[in-house]
Amino acid sequence: MSKESRKFKVPDALANVYDFANTLDVRHFTHFGVEHPQGDEIAGPRQLADWMQERGLGTEGGRVTPAMFETALRLREALRAYLQCDPAERRRNKDVLGALGDALAPFPLRVEARAGRGAILSAAREDALAGLSTIAIELHDATLVGTLDRLKMCASEECRRVFFDRSKPSTRRWCMSTLCGNRMKTRAYRERQREAK
């Protein structure tokens, strides 16, 4: 769990999915006169290995190859496309579901019986990318308990940050109503004013 996921009270059971989806920061807006810098926390194999190690997902001495890195990027891209869809659309959008299924295929899981915990899912991979199987496990578990629908992508084209919707009706559209929501509402208001003239 990262400082970000703790700050925004993302449940521990979805923290790795949240953090992984947000390793790509495409925000491009100006706030209080300062332009937000875009970035990628996992810009290369070394950064991916470090990111995984920081979260306890890496293996000691495991080297992320360029091919493994590409596999991880495909997973992130498919995950972000999935989270960008409205939760009701996610279950119907065959393209998005197919892409996510294909991106998850390199991360097979196995069922293990553990004392005190019953049956759990674990990574079948045993290489440097095995830790990313946690993403597949969290997606599976969150689907079962219904919390995955609360993980969404900000509706602002200038943001596209993934957030956890804590609102009771689960209808939030923006990661922060005081920032993205306010900016979008102000823009819509100005558009209406222009059209009225």
N, C-alpha and C. Protein backbone atom coordinates (compact mmCIF):
# COMPACT_ATOMS: atom_id res chain seq x y z
N MET A 1 0.84 -1.18 0.00
CA MET A 1 0.00 0.00 0.00
C MET A 1 0.89 1.24 0.00
N SER A 2 0.58 2.19 -0.87
CA SER A 2 1.40 3.39 -1.00
C SER A 2 0.82 4.54 -0.16
N LYS A 3 1.57 5.63 -0.08
CA LYS A 3 1.08 6.84 0.59
C LYS A 3 -0.18 7.34 -0.09
N GLU A 4 -0.19 7.26 -1.44
CA GLU A 4 -1.35 7.71 -2.21
C GLU A 4 -2.60 6.91 -1.88
N SER A 5 -2.48 5.59 -1.89
CA SER A 5 -3.66 4.76 -1.62
C SER A 5 -4.12 4.93 -0.18
N ARG A 6 -3.20 5.15 0.75
CA ARG A 6 -3.58 5.42 2.13
C ARG A 6 -4.27 6.78 2.25
N LYS A 7 -3.70 7.77 1.60
CA LYS A 7 -4.23 9.14 1.64
C LYS A 7 -5.69 9.17 1.16
N PHE A 8 -5.98 8.44 0.09
CA PHE A 8 -7.32 8.45 -0.48
C PHE A 8 -8.19 7.29 0.00
N LYS A 9 -7.72 6.62 1.07
CA LYS A 9 -8.49 5.56 1.74
C LYS A 9 -8.98 4.46 0.79
N VAL A 10 -8.07 4.04 -0.08
CA VAL A 10 -8.36 2.91 -0.97
C VAL A 10 -8.24 1.65 -0.11
N PRO A 11 -9.22 0.75 -0.17
CA PRO A 11 -9.12 -0.48 0.63
C PRO A 11 -7.84 -1.25 0.30
N ASP A 12 -7.24 -1.83 1.33
CA ASP A 12 -6.01 -2.60 1.13
C ASP A 12 -6.17 -3.65 0.04
N ALA A 13 -7.36 -4.23 -0.05
CA ALA A 13 -7.62 -5.31 -1.01
C ALA A 13 -7.60 -4.84 -2.46
N LEU A 14 -7.57 -3.52 -2.68
CA LEU A 14 -7.49 -2.98 -4.05
C LEU A 14 -6.31 -2.02 -4.23
N ALA A 15 -5.48 -1.90 -3.22
CA ALA A 15 -4.40 -0.90 -3.25
C ALA A 15 -3.41 -1.14 -4.38
N ASN A 16 -3.05 -2.39 -4.66
CA ASN A 16 -2.08 -2.65 -5.73
C ASN A 16 -2.66 -2.35 -7.11
N VAL A 17 -3.94 -2.66 -7.30
CA VAL A 17 -4.59 -2.34 -8.58
C VAL A 17 -4.61 -0.82 -8.76
N TYR A 18 -5.01 -0.10 -7.71
CA TYR A 18 -5.05 1.37 -7.73
C TYR A 18 -3.67 1.95 -8.04
N ASP A 19 -2.67 1.50 -7.28
CA ASP A 19 -1.31 2.02 -7.47
C ASP A 19 -0.76 1.69 -8.86
N PHE A 20 -0.99 0.47 -9.32
CA PHE A 20 -0.47 0.06 -10.63
C PHE A 20 -1.11 0.87 -11.75
N ALA A 21 -2.43 1.05 -11.70
CA ALA A 21 -3.12 1.83 -12.73
C ALA A 21 -2.63 3.28 -12.73
N ASN A 22 -2.27 3.79 -11.55
CA ASN A 22 -1.84 5.19 -11.45
C ASN A 22 -0.34 5.39 -11.60
N THR A 23 0.39 4.34 -12.00
CA THR A 23 1.82 4.55 -12.27
C THR A 23 2.00 5.44 -13.49
N LEU A 24 0.98 5.50 -14.34
CA LEU A 24 0.99 6.39 -15.50
C LEU A 24 0.19 7.63 -15.13
N ASP A 25 0.84 8.77 -15.14
CA ASP A 25 0.20 10.04 -14.78
C ASP A 25 0.09 10.90 -16.04
N VAL A 26 -1.12 10.99 -16.59
CA VAL A 26 -1.33 11.74 -17.83
C VAL A 26 -2.02 13.08 -17.58
N ARG A 27 -2.08 13.48 -16.29
CA ARG A 27 -2.75 14.75 -15.98
C ARG A 27 -2.04 15.90 -16.69
N HIS A 28 -2.83 16.77 -17.29
CA HIS A 28 -2.25 17.91 -18.01
C HIS A 28 -3.12 19.15 -17.81
N PHE A 29 -3.09 19.66 -16.61
CA PHE A 29 -3.84 20.86 -16.29
C PHE A 29 -2.96 21.79 -15.47
N THR A 30 -3.40 23.02 -15.36
CA THR A 30 -2.69 24.01 -14.56
C THR A 30 -3.53 24.28 -13.32
N HIS A 31 -2.89 24.23 -12.16
CA HIS A 31 -3.58 24.45 -10.90
C HIS A 31 -2.81 25.51 -10.12
N PHE A 32 -3.50 26.60 -9.81
CA PHE A 32 -2.86 27.74 -9.14
C PHE A 32 -1.61 28.20 -9.89
N GLY A 33 -1.72 28.22 -11.22
CA GLY A 33 -0.63 28.72 -12.06
C GLY A 33 0.51 27.75 -12.28
N VAL A 34 0.41 26.55 -11.74
CA VAL A 34 1.48 25.56 -11.89
C VAL A 34 0.96 24.42 -12.76
N GLU A 35 1.70 24.13 -13.83
CA GLU A 35 1.32 23.04 -14.72
C GLU A 35 1.71 21.71 -14.09
N HIS A 36 0.77 20.78 -14.08
CA HIS A 36 1.05 19.47 -13.49
C HIS A 36 1.98 18.68 -14.41
N PRO A 37 3.08 18.15 -13.87
CA PRO A 37 4.01 17.37 -14.72
C PRO A 37 3.49 15.94 -14.93
N GLN A 38 3.51 15.50 -16.18
CA GLN A 38 3.12 14.12 -16.48
C GLN A 38 4.31 13.21 -16.18
N GLY A 39 4.02 11.94 -15.98
CA GLY A 39 5.12 11.03 -15.67
C GLY A 39 4.72 9.58 -15.71
N ASP A 40 5.71 8.73 -15.63
CA ASP A 40 5.50 7.29 -15.63
C ASP A 40 6.44 6.69 -14.60
N GLU A 41 5.88 6.15 -13.51
CA GLU A 41 6.69 5.57 -12.44
C GLU A 41 7.43 4.33 -12.89
N ILE A 42 6.91 3.66 -13.90
CA ILE A 42 7.55 2.42 -14.37
C ILE A 42 7.98 2.59 -15.84
N ALA A 43 8.81 3.58 -16.07
CA ALA A 43 9.22 3.94 -17.42
C ALA A 43 10.15 2.91 -18.08
N GLY A 44 10.68 2.00 -17.30
CA GLY A 44 11.58 0.98 -17.85
C GLY A 44 11.60 -0.24 -16.95
N PRO A 45 12.28 -1.30 -17.38
CA PRO A 45 12.34 -2.53 -16.58
C PRO A 45 12.87 -2.32 -15.15
N ARG A 46 13.90 -1.48 -15.02
CA ARG A 46 14.48 -1.24 -13.69
C ARG A 46 13.47 -0.55 -12.76
N GLN A 47 12.75 0.45 -13.31
CA GLN A 47 11.76 1.16 -12.51
C GLN A 47 10.61 0.24 -12.11
N LEU A 48 10.22 -0.67 -13.02
CA LEU A 48 9.17 -1.63 -12.70
C LEU A 48 9.63 -2.55 -11.57
N ALA A 49 10.85 -3.03 -11.65
CA ALA A 49 11.38 -3.91 -10.60
C ALA A 49 11.41 -3.17 -9.26
N ASP A 50 11.84 -1.91 -9.28
CA ASP A 50 11.88 -1.11 -8.05
C ASP A 50 10.49 -0.88 -7.49
N TRP A 51 9.53 -0.56 -8.38
CA TRP A 51 8.14 -0.32 -7.96
C TRP A 51 7.58 -1.58 -7.28
N MET A 52 7.84 -2.74 -7.89
CA MET A 52 7.35 -3.99 -7.33
C MET A 52 8.02 -4.29 -5.99
N GLN A 53 9.32 -4.05 -5.90
CA GLN A 53 10.08 -4.31 -4.67
C GLN A 53 9.56 -3.44 -3.53
N GLU A 54 9.26 -2.18 -3.81
CA GLU A 54 8.75 -1.25 -2.79
C GLU A 54 7.44 -1.75 -2.19
N ARG A 55 6.66 -2.48 -2.96
CA ARG A 55 5.35 -2.96 -2.51
C ARG A 55 5.37 -4.42 -2.06
N GLY A 56 6.56 -4.98 -2.00
CA GLY A 56 6.67 -6.37 -1.58
C GLY A 56 6.19 -7.35 -2.65
N LEU A 57 6.18 -6.92 -3.90
CA LEU A 57 5.73 -7.77 -5.00
C LEU A 57 6.88 -8.35 -5.81
N GLY A 58 8.08 -7.87 -5.54
CA GLY A 58 9.24 -8.31 -6.31
C GLY A 58 9.91 -9.53 -5.69
N THR A 59 10.69 -10.21 -6.50
CA THR A 59 11.45 -11.35 -6.00
C THR A 59 12.90 -10.93 -5.87
N GLU A 60 13.57 -11.40 -4.84
CA GLU A 60 14.97 -11.06 -4.62
C GLU A 60 15.81 -11.52 -5.82
N GLY A 61 16.54 -10.59 -6.38
CA GLY A 61 17.43 -10.91 -7.49
C GLY A 61 16.72 -11.17 -8.80
N GLY A 62 15.39 -11.01 -8.82
CA GLY A 62 14.64 -11.22 -10.05
C GLY A 62 14.86 -10.06 -11.02
N ARG A 63 15.22 -10.37 -12.24
CA ARG A 63 15.49 -9.34 -13.24
C ARG A 63 14.31 -9.24 -14.20
N VAL A 64 13.79 -8.03 -14.35
CA VAL A 64 12.71 -7.79 -15.30
C VAL A 64 13.33 -7.57 -16.67
N THR A 65 13.02 -8.45 -17.61
CA THR A 65 13.55 -8.34 -18.97
C THR A 65 12.69 -7.35 -19.77
N PRO A 66 13.19 -6.89 -20.93
CA PRO A 66 12.37 -6.01 -21.77
C PRO A 66 11.03 -6.66 -22.17
N ALA A 67 11.04 -7.98 -22.44
CA ALA A 67 9.79 -8.67 -22.80
C ALA A 67 8.82 -8.68 -21.62
N MET A 68 9.32 -8.89 -20.41
CA MET A 68 8.48 -8.86 -19.21
C MET A 68 7.91 -7.46 -19.01
N PHE A 69 8.74 -6.46 -19.26
CA PHE A 69 8.31 -5.07 -19.12
C PHE A 69 7.15 -4.77 -20.07
N GLU A 70 7.25 -5.24 -21.30
CA GLU A 70 6.17 -5.04 -22.28
C GLU A 70 4.89 -5.74 -21.82
N THR A 71 5.03 -6.91 -21.22
CA THR A 71 3.88 -7.64 -20.68
C THR A 71 3.20 -6.82 -19.59
N ALA A 72 4.01 -6.21 -18.72
CA ALA A 72 3.47 -5.38 -17.63
C ALA A 72 2.76 -4.14 -18.19
N LEU A 73 3.34 -3.54 -19.23
CA LEU A 73 2.71 -2.35 -19.83
C LEU A 73 1.37 -2.70 -20.48
N ARG A 74 1.30 -3.86 -21.12
CA ARG A 74 0.03 -4.31 -21.72
C ARG A 74 -1.03 -4.49 -20.64
N LEU A 75 -0.62 -5.04 -19.50
CA LEU A 75 -1.55 -5.21 -18.39
C LEU A 75 -2.04 -3.86 -17.89
N ARG A 76 -1.13 -2.92 -17.72
CA ARG A 76 -1.52 -1.59 -17.23
C ARG A 76 -2.46 -0.90 -18.21
N GLU A 77 -2.14 -0.98 -19.50
CA GLU A 77 -2.98 -0.34 -20.52
C GLU A 77 -4.39 -0.93 -20.53
N ALA A 78 -4.47 -2.26 -20.47
CA ALA A 78 -5.78 -2.92 -20.47
C ALA A 78 -6.56 -2.62 -19.19
N LEU A 79 -5.86 -2.57 -18.08
CA LEU A 79 -6.49 -2.25 -16.80
C LEU A 79 -7.06 -0.83 -16.81
N ARG A 80 -6.29 0.12 -17.32
CA ARG A 80 -6.76 1.51 -17.38
C ARG A 80 -7.95 1.64 -18.33
N ALA A 81 -7.92 0.93 -19.45
CA ALA A 81 -9.06 0.97 -20.39
C ALA A 81 -10.31 0.40 -19.73
N TYR A 82 -10.13 -0.66 -18.96
CA TYR A 82 -11.25 -1.28 -18.24
C TYR A 82 -11.82 -0.31 -17.21
N LEU A 83 -10.96 0.31 -16.42
CA LEU A 83 -11.40 1.22 -15.36
C LEU A 83 -11.98 2.52 -15.92
N GLN A 84 -11.65 2.84 -17.15
CA GLN A 84 -12.19 4.04 -17.79
C GLN A 84 -13.68 3.85 -18.12
N CYS A 85 -14.10 2.63 -18.33
CA CYS A 85 -15.50 2.33 -18.63
C CYS A 85 -16.36 2.51 -17.39
N ASP A 86 -17.59 2.94 -17.61
CA ASP A 86 -18.58 2.98 -16.54
C ASP A 86 -18.74 1.54 -16.03
N PRO A 87 -18.89 1.34 -14.72
CA PRO A 87 -19.00 -0.03 -14.20
C PRO A 87 -20.04 -0.90 -14.91
N ALA A 88 -21.19 -0.35 -15.28
CA ALA A 88 -22.20 -1.15 -15.98
C ALA A 88 -21.72 -1.55 -17.38
N GLU A 89 -20.95 -0.67 -18.02
CA GLU A 89 -20.44 -0.96 -19.37
C GLU A 89 -19.33 -2.00 -19.34
N ARG A 90 -18.59 -2.08 -18.25
CA ARG A 90 -17.47 -3.02 -18.14
C ARG A 90 -17.90 -4.45 -18.43
N ARG A 91 -19.07 -4.81 -18.00
CA ARG A 91 -19.55 -6.19 -18.17
C ARG A 91 -20.04 -6.47 -19.57
N ARG A 92 -20.24 -5.42 -20.37
CA ARG A 92 -20.78 -5.59 -21.73
C ARG A 92 -19.77 -5.32 -22.83
N ASN A 93 -18.74 -4.55 -22.54
CA ASN A 93 -17.79 -4.12 -23.56
C ASN A 93 -16.82 -5.26 -23.90
N LYS A 94 -17.12 -5.97 -24.98
CA LYS A 94 -16.33 -7.15 -25.35
C LYS A 94 -14.88 -6.81 -25.68
N ASP A 95 -14.66 -5.65 -26.30
CA ASP A 95 -13.29 -5.25 -26.65
C ASP A 95 -12.44 -5.04 -25.41
N VAL A 96 -12.99 -4.30 -24.45
CA VAL A 96 -12.27 -4.00 -23.21
C VAL A 96 -12.05 -5.28 -22.41
N LEU A 97 -13.09 -6.10 -22.31
CA LEU A 97 -12.98 -7.36 -21.58
C LEU A 97 -11.98 -8.30 -22.24
N GLY A 98 -12.01 -8.36 -23.58
CA GLY A 98 -11.07 -9.21 -24.30
C GLY A 98 -9.63 -8.77 -24.10
N ALA A 99 -9.40 -7.45 -24.18
CA ALA A 99 -8.05 -6.91 -23.99
C ALA A 99 -7.55 -7.18 -22.58
N LEU A 100 -8.43 -7.01 -21.58
CA LEU A 100 -8.01 -7.27 -20.20
C LEU A 100 -7.75 -8.77 -20.00
N GLY A 101 -8.59 -9.60 -20.56
CA GLY A 101 -8.38 -11.05 -20.47
C GLY A 101 -7.06 -11.47 -21.08
N ASP A 102 -6.75 -10.92 -22.26
CA ASP A 102 -5.48 -11.23 -22.93
C ASP A 102 -4.29 -10.74 -22.10
N ALA A 103 -4.44 -9.54 -21.50
CA ALA A 103 -3.34 -8.97 -20.71
C ALA A 103 -3.14 -9.74 -19.40
N LEU A 104 -4.20 -10.37 -18.89
CA LEU A 104 -4.09 -11.15 -17.65
C LEU A 104 -3.60 -12.58 -17.90
N ALA A 105 -3.70 -13.05 -19.13
CA ALA A 105 -3.33 -14.43 -19.46
C ALA A 105 -1.90 -14.80 -19.03
N PRO A 106 -0.91 -13.91 -19.15
CA PRO A 106 0.45 -14.27 -18.72
C PRO A 106 0.62 -14.36 -17.19
N PHE A 107 -0.48 -14.15 -16.44
CA PHE A 107 -0.41 -14.17 -14.98
C PHE A 107 -1.34 -15.25 -14.41
N PRO A 108 -1.06 -16.52 -14.74
CA PRO A 108 -1.93 -17.60 -14.25
C PRO A 108 -1.87 -17.70 -12.72
N LEU A 109 -2.98 -18.18 -12.18
CA LEU A 109 -3.09 -18.32 -10.73
C LEU A 109 -3.32 -19.78 -10.37
N ARG A 110 -2.99 -20.12 -9.14
CA ARG A 110 -3.30 -21.45 -8.63
C ARG A 110 -3.99 -21.30 -7.28
N VAL A 111 -4.77 -22.31 -6.94
CA VAL A 111 -5.47 -22.31 -5.65
C VAL A 111 -4.61 -23.09 -4.68
N GLU A 112 -4.37 -22.47 -3.52
CA GLU A 112 -3.58 -23.13 -2.48
C GLU A 112 -4.40 -23.23 -1.20
N ALA A 113 -4.28 -24.33 -0.51
CA ALA A 113 -4.92 -24.48 0.80
C ALA A 113 -3.89 -24.07 1.85
N ARG A 114 -4.28 -23.11 2.70
CA ARG A 114 -3.37 -22.61 3.73
C ARG A 114 -4.03 -22.72 5.10
N ALA A 115 -3.26 -23.15 6.07
CA ALA A 115 -3.77 -23.28 7.44
C ALA A 115 -4.29 -21.93 7.94
N GLY A 116 -5.48 -21.94 8.49
CA GLY A 116 -6.06 -20.73 9.04
C GLY A 116 -6.68 -19.78 8.03
N ARG A 117 -6.45 -20.01 6.75
CA ARG A 117 -6.96 -19.10 5.73
C ARG A 117 -7.83 -19.80 4.70
N GLY A 118 -7.85 -21.09 4.70
CA GLY A 118 -8.63 -21.82 3.70
C GLY A 118 -7.95 -21.77 2.34
N ALA A 119 -8.76 -21.74 1.29
CA ALA A 119 -8.22 -21.71 -0.08
C ALA A 119 -7.96 -20.27 -0.50
N ILE A 120 -6.77 -20.04 -1.03
CA ILE A 120 -6.41 -18.71 -1.53
C ILE A 120 -5.82 -18.84 -2.93
N LEU A 121 -5.85 -17.74 -3.66
CA LEU A 121 -5.21 -17.69 -4.98
C LEU A 121 -3.78 -17.19 -4.82
N SER A 122 -2.87 -17.76 -5.60
CA SER A 122 -1.48 -17.30 -5.58
C SER A 122 -0.93 -17.37 -7.00
N ALA A 123 0.21 -16.74 -7.19
CA ALA A 123 0.84 -16.69 -8.51
C ALA A 123 1.36 -18.06 -8.92
N ALA A 124 1.10 -18.42 -10.17
CA ALA A 124 1.68 -19.64 -10.72
C ALA A 124 3.04 -19.33 -11.36
N ARG A 125 3.23 -18.06 -11.75
CA ARG A 125 4.53 -17.63 -12.28
C ARG A 125 5.56 -17.70 -11.18
N GLU A 126 6.81 -17.91 -11.58
CA GLU A 126 7.88 -17.95 -10.57
C GLU A 126 9.05 -17.08 -10.99
N ASP A 127 8.80 -16.11 -11.84
CA ASP A 127 9.88 -15.23 -12.29
C ASP A 127 9.71 -13.84 -11.68
N ALA A 128 10.42 -12.86 -12.23
CA ALA A 128 10.41 -11.51 -11.67
C ALA A 128 9.05 -10.82 -11.77
N LEU A 129 8.17 -11.30 -12.66
CA LEU A 129 6.85 -10.68 -12.80
C LEU A 129 5.78 -11.37 -11.96
N ALA A 130 6.14 -12.39 -11.22
CA ALA A 130 5.15 -13.13 -10.43
C ALA A 130 4.34 -12.21 -9.53
N GLY A 131 4.97 -11.18 -9.00
CA GLY A 131 4.28 -10.25 -8.10
C GLY A 131 3.12 -9.53 -8.73
N LEU A 132 3.15 -9.35 -10.07
CA LEU A 132 2.04 -8.67 -10.73
C LEU A 132 0.79 -9.55 -10.79
N SER A 133 0.94 -10.83 -10.46
CA SER A 133 -0.23 -11.70 -10.36
C SER A 133 -1.17 -11.19 -9.27
N THR A 134 -0.63 -10.40 -8.34
CA THR A 134 -1.44 -9.78 -7.29
C THR A 134 -2.55 -8.93 -7.91
N ILE A 135 -2.26 -8.30 -9.05
CA ILE A 135 -3.27 -7.48 -9.74
C ILE A 135 -4.45 -8.37 -10.13
N ALA A 136 -4.15 -9.53 -10.71
CA ALA A 136 -5.22 -10.47 -11.10
C ALA A 136 -6.00 -10.95 -9.89
N ILE A 137 -5.30 -11.24 -8.80
CA ILE A 137 -5.96 -11.71 -7.57
C ILE A 137 -6.87 -10.63 -7.00
N GLU A 138 -6.38 -9.40 -6.94
CA GLU A 138 -7.19 -8.30 -6.41
C GLU A 138 -8.41 -8.04 -7.29
N LEU A 139 -8.24 -8.12 -8.61
CA LEU A 139 -9.38 -7.95 -9.52
C LEU A 139 -10.43 -9.03 -9.26
N HIS A 140 -9.97 -10.25 -9.14
CA HIS A 140 -10.88 -11.38 -8.88
C HIS A 140 -11.63 -11.19 -7.56
N ASP A 141 -10.88 -10.93 -6.49
CA ASP A 141 -11.50 -10.82 -5.17
C ASP A 141 -12.45 -9.63 -5.09
N ALA A 142 -12.06 -8.50 -5.69
CA ALA A 142 -12.90 -7.30 -5.65
C ALA A 142 -14.18 -7.49 -6.46
N THR A 143 -14.11 -8.29 -7.50
CA THR A 143 -15.31 -8.60 -8.28
C THR A 143 -16.28 -9.42 -7.42
N LEU A 144 -15.75 -10.37 -6.68
CA LEU A 144 -16.59 -11.22 -5.83
C LEU A 144 -17.31 -10.43 -4.74
N VAL A 145 -16.61 -9.48 -4.12
CA VAL A 145 -17.22 -8.72 -3.02
C VAL A 145 -17.90 -7.43 -3.47
N GLY A 146 -17.76 -7.09 -4.77
CA GLY A 146 -18.47 -5.93 -5.32
C GLY A 146 -17.77 -4.59 -5.18
N THR A 147 -16.51 -4.59 -4.74
CA THR A 147 -15.81 -3.30 -4.58
C THR A 147 -15.13 -2.82 -5.86
N LEU A 148 -14.98 -3.69 -6.84
CA LEU A 148 -14.29 -3.29 -8.07
C LEU A 148 -15.05 -2.19 -8.80
N ASP A 149 -16.38 -2.19 -8.72
CA ASP A 149 -17.18 -1.15 -9.38
C ASP A 149 -16.92 0.23 -8.80
N ARG A 150 -16.34 0.29 -7.61
CA ARG A 150 -16.05 1.58 -6.99
C ARG A 150 -14.69 2.14 -7.43
N LEU A 151 -13.92 1.34 -8.12
CA LEU A 151 -12.64 1.81 -8.66
C LEU A 151 -12.92 2.34 -10.05
N LYS A 152 -12.68 3.64 -10.26
CA LYS A 152 -13.07 4.31 -11.49
C LYS A 152 -11.96 5.23 -11.97
N MET A 153 -12.12 5.69 -13.21
CA MET A 153 -11.19 6.67 -13.75
C MET A 153 -11.89 8.02 -13.80
N CYS A 154 -11.18 9.05 -13.42
CA CYS A 154 -11.72 10.40 -13.41
C CYS A 154 -12.26 10.75 -14.80
N ALA A 155 -13.46 11.35 -14.84
CA ALA A 155 -14.12 11.68 -16.10
C ALA A 155 -13.48 12.87 -16.80
N SER A 156 -12.61 13.60 -16.11
CA SER A 156 -11.95 14.75 -16.72
C SER A 156 -10.88 14.29 -17.71
N GLU A 157 -11.00 14.75 -18.96
CA GLU A 157 -10.00 14.40 -19.99
C GLU A 157 -8.61 14.90 -19.62
N GLU A 158 -8.55 15.93 -18.78
CA GLU A 158 -7.26 16.50 -18.38
C GLU A 158 -6.63 15.76 -17.21
N CYS A 159 -7.33 14.77 -16.68
CA CYS A 159 -6.85 14.07 -15.49
C CYS A 159 -6.63 12.58 -15.74
N ARG A 160 -7.70 11.81 -15.83
CA ARG A 160 -7.66 10.37 -16.06
C ARG A 160 -6.94 9.61 -14.94
N ARG A 161 -7.05 10.13 -13.73
CA ARG A 161 -6.50 9.46 -12.55
C ARG A 161 -7.52 8.43 -12.06
N VAL A 162 -7.07 7.28 -11.62
CA VAL A 162 -7.96 6.27 -11.07
C VAL A 162 -8.21 6.63 -9.60
N PHE A 163 -9.48 6.48 -9.17
CA PHE A 163 -9.83 6.79 -7.79
C PHE A 163 -10.81 5.75 -7.26
N PHE A 164 -10.94 5.72 -5.94
CA PHE A 164 -11.90 4.82 -5.30
C PHE A 164 -13.10 5.66 -4.87
N ASP A 165 -14.27 5.32 -5.39
CA ASP A 165 -15.49 6.08 -5.12
C ASP A 165 -16.07 5.65 -3.78
N ARG A 166 -15.93 6.52 -2.78
CA ARG A 166 -16.43 6.22 -1.45
C ARG A 166 -17.85 6.76 -1.23
N SER A 167 -18.42 7.41 -2.23
CA SER A 167 -19.76 7.98 -2.05
C SER A 167 -20.78 6.86 -1.85
N LYS A 168 -21.80 7.14 -1.04
CA LYS A 168 -22.79 6.11 -0.73
C LYS A 168 -23.46 5.54 -1.98
N PRO A 169 -23.92 6.41 -2.92
CA PRO A 169 -24.56 5.84 -4.11
C PRO A 169 -23.57 5.36 -5.18
N SER A 170 -22.27 5.59 -4.94
CA SER A 170 -21.21 5.21 -5.89
C SER A 170 -21.43 5.84 -7.27
N THR A 171 -21.65 7.15 -7.27
CA THR A 171 -21.92 7.86 -8.52
C THR A 171 -20.90 8.96 -8.82
N ARG A 172 -19.81 9.00 -8.08
CA ARG A 172 -18.80 10.03 -8.34
C ARG A 172 -18.23 9.88 -9.73
N ARG A 173 -17.92 11.02 -10.34
CA ARG A 173 -17.35 11.00 -11.70
C ARG A 173 -15.91 11.51 -11.72
N TRP A 174 -15.54 12.28 -10.70
CA TRP A 174 -14.22 12.91 -10.68
C TRP A 174 -13.42 12.44 -9.48
N CYS A 175 -12.10 12.41 -9.65
CA CYS A 175 -11.25 11.98 -8.54
C CYS A 175 -11.37 12.93 -7.36
N MET A 176 -11.48 14.22 -7.66
CA MET A 176 -11.66 15.24 -6.62
C MET A 176 -12.66 16.27 -7.13
N SER A 177 -13.79 16.37 -6.45
CA SER A 177 -14.81 17.32 -6.91
C SER A 177 -14.32 18.76 -6.77
N THR A 178 -13.44 19.02 -5.80
CA THR A 178 -12.94 20.38 -5.61
C THR A 178 -11.92 20.78 -6.67
N LEU A 179 -11.37 19.82 -7.37
CA LEU A 179 -10.38 20.12 -8.40
C LEU A 179 -10.95 19.81 -9.78
N CYS A 180 -11.00 18.56 -10.15
CA CYS A 180 -11.48 18.18 -11.48
C CYS A 180 -12.96 18.50 -11.66
N GLY A 181 -13.78 18.16 -10.66
CA GLY A 181 -15.21 18.42 -10.76
C GLY A 181 -15.51 19.90 -10.90
N ASN A 182 -14.86 20.70 -10.08
CA ASN A 182 -15.06 22.15 -10.14
C ASN A 182 -14.62 22.72 -11.48
N ARG A 183 -13.49 22.26 -11.98
CA ARG A 183 -12.98 22.74 -13.25
C ARG A 183 -13.94 22.39 -14.39
N MET A 184 -14.48 21.17 -14.38
CA MET A 184 -15.41 20.74 -15.44
C MET A 184 -16.73 21.50 -15.35
N LYS A 185 -17.24 21.70 -14.14
CA LYS A 185 -18.50 22.42 -13.96
C LYS A 185 -18.35 23.88 -14.38
N THR A 186 -17.22 24.49 -14.04
CA THR A 186 -16.97 25.88 -14.43
C THR A 186 -16.90 26.01 -15.94
N ARG A 187 -16.21 25.06 -16.57
CA ARG A 187 -16.09 25.07 -18.03
C ARG A 187 -17.46 24.91 -18.69
N ALA A 188 -18.27 24.00 -18.17
CA ALA A 188 -19.62 23.78 -18.73
C ALA A 188 -20.48 25.03 -18.54
N TYR A 189 -20.33 25.69 -17.39
CA TYR A 189 -21.09 26.92 -17.12
C TYR A 189 -20.70 28.01 -18.12
N ARG A 190 -19.41 28.17 -18.36
CA ARG A 190 -18.94 29.20 -19.31
C ARG A 190 -19.43 28.91 -20.72
N GLU A 191 -19.45 27.61 -21.08
CA GLU A 191 -19.97 27.22 -22.41
C GLU A 191 -21.43 27.62 -22.55
N ARG A 192 -22.22 27.34 -21.52
CA ARG A 192 -23.65 27.69 -21.56
C ARG A 192 -23.83 29.20 -21.66
N GLN A 193 -22.99 29.95 -20.96
CA GLN A 193 -23.08 31.42 -20.99
C GLN A 193 -22.76 31.94 -22.40
N ARG A 194 -21.74 31.35 -23.03
CA ARG A 194 -21.36 31.76 -24.39
C ARG A 194 -22.47 31.47 -25.37
N GLU A 195 -23.06 30.28 -25.24
CA GLU A 195 -24.15 29.89 -26.16
C GLU A 195 -25.40 30.74 -25.97
N ALA A 196 -25.60 31.25 -24.77
CA ALA A 196 -26.79 32.07 -24.49
C ALA A 196 -26.68 33.47 -25.09
N LYS A 197 -25.47 33.90 -25.40
CA LYS A 197 -25.26 35.26 -25.94
C LYS A 197 -25.63 35.34 -27.40
